[in-house]
């Protein structure tokens, strides 16, 4: 199906189609700021800088750089730790989060916090942050469990295994990631019929769990099994879905910047983890794990 990559933005589209975008810009400007920032002006400047984007980024050419098959069944979540070069996987409804090296060698595990889930995700903290009342170090594993009720964000390898109960989700949050430039969490809910907030991304306060704003991904992008990751260099969101054949690149406030076509054979994608150096790790419900090159997300300070 042909796709448009020069849309004015998903917020506008949702309103035009009766979806009623509900992004609260004032709330975003009041979001927590990085250490050392104390003014509302600083918070607003950070938000604007993180959301800046080229006028027309255009699609990238993605290629499979490597792949492996861990033989652990259907996969529902993935995260990447650049400090250790480890790929974290979560088999759908599994008992453990599993770490692998880039060539597919097992490299450790963590017990799954919370209930067994297939509405779930793994992220790795890009910076130190506060989750609820707990300090979480850079490089800590974050586990989003959206199986029942509102999404919970766990830190299973942090002392005390802290957990944040957010105010977003209706038993179908399938992905999430921390945005260092905005000091917030982003969560995405799937399309399940009759469930509130389907095909919606929310920005959440990592201390209180409050929803700071949200926007729909439809009609441009439908979420089934899926995920989002944050490019910390540009502040953009990269979104995948098992129902789509592209990676959608959005601004942090919902503007669709581009859709990047997945290479042949990369199908039924359920998770994405960006490496920050032009690559990404993707997983699928069929159990495949792929490293893609050509992803438009560079290291902080470099051109995205």
Protein backbone atom coordinates (compact mmCIF):
# COMPACT_ATOMS: atom_id res chain seq x y z
CA UNK A 1 0.00 0.00 0.00
CA UNK A 2 1.42 3.39 -0.99
CA UNK A 3 2.28 5.67 1.90
CA UNK A 4 2.65 9.41 2.29
CA UNK A 5 5.84 10.65 3.95
CA UNK A 6 5.08 14.37 3.86
CA UNK A 7 2.01 14.47 6.08
CA UNK A 8 1.59 17.56 8.21
CA UNK A 9 1.36 15.38 11.28
CA UNK A 10 -0.56 12.61 12.96
CA UNK A 11 -2.13 15.06 15.39
CA UNK A 12 -3.73 16.94 12.51
CA UNK A 13 -4.78 13.72 10.82
CA UNK A 14 -6.44 12.38 13.94
CA UNK A 15 -8.43 15.56 14.41
CA UNK A 16 -9.49 15.62 10.78
CA UNK A 17 -10.74 12.04 11.03
CA UNK A 18 -12.64 12.68 14.25
CA UNK A 19 -10.01 10.99 16.44
CA UNK A 20 -9.58 14.08 18.57
CA UNK A 21 -5.87 14.52 19.29
CA UNK A 22 -5.29 15.22 22.95
CA UNK A 23 -1.69 16.35 23.13
CA UNK A 24 -1.27 18.84 25.98
CA UNK A 25 1.64 21.11 25.07
CA UNK A 26 1.43 23.00 28.35
CA UNK A 27 1.81 19.75 30.27
CA UNK A 28 4.88 18.81 28.24
CA UNK A 29 6.52 22.13 28.99
CA UNK A 30 5.96 21.41 32.68
CA UNK A 31 7.59 17.98 32.42
CA UNK A 32 10.64 17.19 34.58
CA UNK A 33 13.82 18.78 33.25
CA UNK A 34 17.39 17.55 33.32
CA UNK A 35 19.59 18.12 36.37
CA UNK A 36 20.66 21.74 36.53
CA UNK A 37 17.68 23.14 34.62
CA UNK A 38 15.46 25.15 36.92
CA UNK A 39 13.34 27.45 34.77
CA UNK A 40 10.23 26.97 32.69
CA UNK A 41 12.11 28.61 29.82
CA UNK A 42 14.82 25.94 30.04
CA UNK A 43 12.22 23.17 30.02
CA UNK A 44 10.48 24.67 27.00
CA UNK A 45 13.80 25.12 25.18
CA UNK A 46 14.76 21.50 25.87
CA UNK A 47 11.40 20.27 24.58
CA UNK A 48 11.68 22.35 21.42
CA UNK A 49 15.25 21.24 20.76
CA UNK A 50 14.43 17.56 21.29
CA UNK A 51 11.49 17.81 18.89
CA UNK A 52 13.36 19.65 16.13
CA UNK A 53 13.40 17.84 12.80
CA UNK A 54 14.43 18.39 9.18
CA UNK A 55 11.61 19.77 7.07
CA UNK A 56 11.50 16.52 5.08
CA UNK A 57 13.80 13.82 6.40
CA UNK A 58 12.64 11.31 3.80
CA UNK A 59 12.91 7.54 4.04
CA UNK A 60 16.20 5.77 4.74
CA UNK A 61 17.45 2.64 2.97
CA UNK A 62 17.55 -0.14 5.56
CA UNK A 63 19.55 -3.36 5.14
CA UNK A 64 19.99 -6.49 7.25
CA UNK A 65 23.51 -6.35 8.67
CA UNK A 66 23.19 -9.53 10.75
CA UNK A 67 20.61 -11.83 12.26
CA UNK A 68 20.24 -14.79 14.57
CA UNK A 69 17.52 -17.18 15.73
CA UNK A 70 17.61 -17.69 19.52
CA UNK A 71 15.09 -20.57 19.37
CA UNK A 72 13.11 -19.32 22.36
CA UNK A 73 9.75 -18.97 20.62
CA UNK A 74 7.76 -15.89 19.65
CA UNK A 75 9.40 -12.61 20.70
CA UNK A 76 7.49 -9.66 22.14
CA UNK A 77 10.22 -7.28 23.31
CA UNK A 78 13.80 -6.18 22.65
CA UNK A 79 16.22 -3.67 24.14
CA UNK A 80 19.85 -2.84 23.39
CA UNK A 81 22.59 -1.96 25.88
CA UNK A 82 25.36 -0.02 24.07
CA UNK A 83 27.70 -0.20 27.06
CA UNK A 84 27.86 -4.00 26.98
CA UNK A 85 26.77 -4.56 23.36
CA UNK A 86 24.04 -6.87 24.67
CA UNK A 87 20.68 -7.51 23.02
CA UNK A 88 17.92 -8.13 25.57
CA UNK A 89 14.98 -10.27 24.41
CA UNK A 90 11.66 -11.19 25.98
CA UNK A 91 9.89 -14.31 24.69
CA UNK A 92 6.13 -13.71 24.72
CA UNK A 93 4.71 -14.68 28.14
CA UNK A 94 8.15 -15.97 29.20
CA UNK A 95 9.55 -16.24 32.71
CA UNK A 96 12.84 -14.45 31.95
CA UNK A 97 14.41 -11.57 30.05
CA UNK A 98 17.30 -13.03 28.05
CA UNK A 99 20.57 -11.33 27.09
CA UNK A 100 22.53 -12.26 23.95
CA UNK A 101 25.71 -11.08 22.28
CA UNK A 102 25.46 -9.68 18.76
CA UNK A 103 26.20 -13.12 17.27
CA UNK A 104 23.41 -14.77 19.24
CA UNK A 105 25.41 -16.26 22.12
CA UNK A 106 23.44 -16.38 25.42
CA UNK A 107 24.84 -13.83 27.88
CA UNK A 108 22.68 -13.91 31.00
CA UNK A 109 19.10 -13.47 32.13
CA UNK A 110 16.80 -11.64 34.55
CA UNK A 111 13.63 -12.95 36.16
CA UNK A 112 10.57 -11.32 34.64
CA UNK A 113 8.99 -8.79 37.02
CA UNK A 114 5.20 -8.77 37.20
CA UNK A 115 2.88 -11.15 35.40
CA UNK A 116 3.52 -13.14 32.24
CA UNK A 117 2.77 -10.88 29.29
CA UNK A 118 2.68 -10.53 25.54
CA UNK A 119 1.89 -6.79 25.78
CA UNK A 120 5.36 -5.89 26.91
CA UNK A 121 8.70 -4.26 26.09
CA UNK A 122 12.34 -3.90 27.16
CA UNK A 123 14.32 -0.66 27.20
CA UNK A 124 17.75 0.22 28.58
CA UNK A 125 18.04 3.51 30.48
CA UNK A 126 20.08 5.90 28.29
CA UNK A 127 20.88 8.14 31.29
CA UNK A 128 20.35 8.06 35.02
CA UNK A 129 16.72 8.76 35.89
CA UNK A 130 14.16 8.66 38.67
CA UNK A 131 11.47 5.99 38.38
CA UNK A 132 8.79 6.74 40.95
CA UNK A 133 10.87 7.40 44.05
CA UNK A 134 13.86 5.27 43.04
CA UNK A 135 17.12 6.30 41.36
CA UNK A 136 17.84 4.19 38.27
CA UNK A 137 21.33 4.22 36.79
CA UNK A 138 22.26 4.65 33.16
CA UNK A 139 22.37 1.21 31.55
CA UNK A 140 19.71 -0.29 33.82
CA UNK A 141 17.13 -2.55 32.23
CA UNK A 142 13.57 -1.17 32.08
CA UNK A 143 10.69 -3.61 31.58
CA UNK A 144 7.30 -2.29 30.44
CA UNK A 145 4.46 -4.64 31.37
CA UNK A 146 1.20 -3.56 29.75
CA UNK A 147 -0.65 -6.86 30.03
CA UNK A 148 -3.36 -5.89 32.53
CA UNK A 149 -4.80 -2.48 33.32
CA UNK A 150 -2.41 0.47 33.16
CA UNK A 151 1.19 -0.03 32.09
CA UNK A 152 3.80 -0.69 34.75
CA UNK A 153 7.47 0.16 34.26
CA UNK A 154 9.88 -2.05 36.23
CA UNK A 155 13.62 -1.81 36.82
CA UNK A 156 14.45 -5.49 37.50
CA UNK A 157 18.25 -5.15 37.82
CA UNK A 158 18.06 -2.08 40.10
CA UNK A 159 18.25 -2.54 43.87
CA UNK A 160 14.78 -3.04 45.31
CA UNK A 161 13.31 -3.75 41.83
CA UNK A 162 11.34 -0.46 41.73
CA UNK A 163 8.14 -0.21 39.71
CA UNK A 164 6.11 2.74 38.44
CA UNK A 165 2.37 2.32 37.88
CA UNK A 166 1.55 4.77 35.10
CA UNK A 167 -1.83 6.35 34.33
CA UNK A 168 -1.82 5.13 30.72
CA UNK A 169 -3.04 1.92 29.17
CA UNK A 170 -5.98 -0.44 29.05
CA UNK A 171 -4.30 -3.87 29.12
CA UNK A 172 -2.63 -3.39 25.73
CA UNK A 173 0.54 -1.26 26.07
CA UNK A 174 3.05 -3.03 23.84
CA UNK A 175 6.08 -0.75 23.88
CA UNK A 176 7.90 2.03 25.68
CA UNK A 177 11.16 3.94 25.99
CA UNK A 178 12.76 6.73 28.00
CA UNK A 179 13.37 10.09 26.27
CA UNK A 180 16.50 11.68 27.79
CA UNK A 181 15.97 15.05 26.10
CA UNK A 182 12.49 15.45 27.60
CA UNK A 183 13.06 13.46 30.83
CA UNK A 184 9.89 11.49 30.14
CA UNK A 185 8.68 8.03 29.16
CA UNK A 186 6.85 7.27 25.92
CA UNK A 187 4.40 4.36 25.79
CA UNK A 188 2.38 2.93 22.88
CA UNK A 189 -0.92 1.03 23.00
CA UNK A 190 -2.10 -1.39 20.32
CA UNK A 191 -5.22 -1.42 18.16
CA UNK A 192 -7.44 -3.97 19.99
CA UNK A 193 -11.05 -3.19 19.08
CA UNK A 194 -13.20 -1.66 21.77
CA UNK A 195 -10.27 -0.79 24.03
CA UNK A 196 -9.78 2.90 24.94
CA UNK A 197 -6.71 4.67 23.58
CA UNK A 198 -6.03 2.15 20.80
CA UNK A 199 -3.24 3.12 18.37
CA UNK A 200 -2.11 5.87 20.74
CA UNK A 201 1.27 7.04 22.03
CA UNK A 202 1.42 8.78 25.40
CA UNK A 203 4.16 10.82 27.06
CA UNK A 204 4.35 9.97 30.76
CA UNK A 205 6.01 11.52 33.80
CA UNK A 206 8.49 8.90 35.09
CA UNK A 207 8.11 10.09 38.68
CA UNK A 208 4.32 10.32 39.03
CA UNK A 209 3.15 8.19 36.11
CA UNK A 210 0.84 10.99 34.94
CA UNK A 211 0.05 11.36 31.24
CA UNK A 212 1.51 14.62 29.95
CA UNK A 213 0.07 14.32 26.45
CA UNK A 214 -0.83 11.80 23.76
CA UNK A 215 -1.56 11.40 20.05
CA UNK A 216 -2.95 8.75 17.71
CA UNK A 217 -0.82 6.85 15.21
CA UNK A 218 -3.71 6.14 12.83
CA UNK A 219 -4.66 6.38 10.03
CA UNK A 220 -1.03 6.36 8.88
CA UNK A 221 0.26 3.55 11.13
CA UNK A 222 -1.65 0.71 12.81
CA UNK A 223 -0.21 -0.96 15.92
CA UNK A 224 -0.71 -4.68 16.55
CA UNK A 225 2.25 -6.32 18.23
CA UNK A 226 4.62 -3.40 18.20
CA UNK A 227 7.04 -1.09 19.93
CA UNK A 228 8.69 2.30 19.96
CA UNK A 229 12.25 3.44 20.59
CA UNK A 230 13.67 6.92 21.11
CA UNK A 231 16.58 8.21 19.06
CA UNK A 232 18.40 10.14 21.78
CA UNK A 233 20.39 12.12 19.18
CA UNK A 234 17.36 13.65 17.45
CA UNK A 235 14.58 13.08 19.98
CA UNK A 236 12.51 11.28 17.34
CA UNK A 237 10.37 8.21 17.97
CA UNK A 238 10.83 5.08 15.85
CA UNK A 239 7.70 2.91 15.83
CA UNK A 240 7.16 -0.64 14.55
CA UNK A 241 4.14 -2.91 14.21
CA UNK A 242 3.56 -6.51 13.17
CA UNK A 243 0.86 -5.17 10.80
CA UNK A 244 3.21 -2.76 8.99
CA UNK A 245 6.12 -3.12 6.55
CA UNK A 246 7.88 0.09 7.55
CA UNK A 247 9.40 1.81 10.57
CA UNK A 248 7.54 5.06 11.24
CA UNK A 249 9.72 7.99 12.35
CA UNK A 250 7.79 10.62 14.32
CA UNK A 251 8.59 13.77 16.24
CA UNK A 252 7.97 13.62 19.98
CA UNK A 253 4.67 15.45 19.50
CA UNK A 254 3.31 13.19 16.76
CA UNK A 255 4.41 14.62 13.41
CA UNK A 256 5.08 11.82 10.92
CA UNK A 257 8.51 12.58 9.47
CA UNK A 258 9.12 9.50 7.33
CA UNK A 259 8.44 5.79 6.93
CA UNK A 260 11.46 3.56 6.35
CA UNK A 261 10.75 0.37 4.39
CA UNK A 262 11.80 -2.86 6.10
CA UNK A 263 14.13 -5.17 4.15
CA UNK A 264 12.74 -8.33 2.60
CA UNK A 265 12.36 -11.09 5.17
CA UNK A 266 11.98 -8.76 8.15
CA UNK A 267 8.34 -9.41 8.97
CA UNK A 268 5.80 -9.40 11.82
CA UNK A 269 8.00 -6.98 13.76
CA UNK A 270 7.12 -6.72 17.45
CA UNK A 271 10.08 -4.83 18.92
CA UNK A 272 12.83 -2.30 18.16
CA UNK A 273 15.95 -1.18 20.00
CA UNK A 274 18.17 1.55 18.55
CA UNK A 275 21.94 1.34 18.91
CA UNK A 276 22.51 5.08 18.49
CA UNK A 277 25.08 4.64 15.73
CA UNK A 278 22.91 4.08 12.68
CA UNK A 279 21.67 0.59 13.45
CA UNK A 280 18.69 -1.01 15.17
CA UNK A 281 17.80 -4.42 16.56
CA UNK A 282 14.36 -5.72 15.60
CA UNK A 283 12.50 -8.85 16.71
CA UNK A 284 9.43 -10.56 15.30
CA UNK A 285 6.60 -12.72 16.51
CA UNK A 286 8.08 -15.52 14.40
CA UNK A 287 11.16 -15.57 16.65
CA UNK A 288 13.58 -13.77 14.33
CA UNK A 289 16.19 -11.23 15.47
CA UNK A 290 17.66 -8.79 12.95
CA UNK A 291 20.24 -6.02 13.11
CA UNK A 292 19.46 -3.35 10.51
CA UNK A 293 21.90 -0.79 9.17
CA UNK A 294 21.04 2.58 7.61
CA UNK A 295 18.76 3.74 10.42
CA UNK A 296 18.76 7.58 10.60
CA UNK A 297 19.77 7.85 14.24
CA UNK A 298 23.34 8.89 14.96
CA UNK A 299 25.28 9.46 18.17
CA UNK A 300 24.34 12.51 20.29
CA UNK A 301 25.84 15.66 18.86
CA UNK A 302 26.06 14.21 15.35
CA UNK A 303 23.68 14.83 12.49
CA UNK A 304 20.78 12.37 12.79
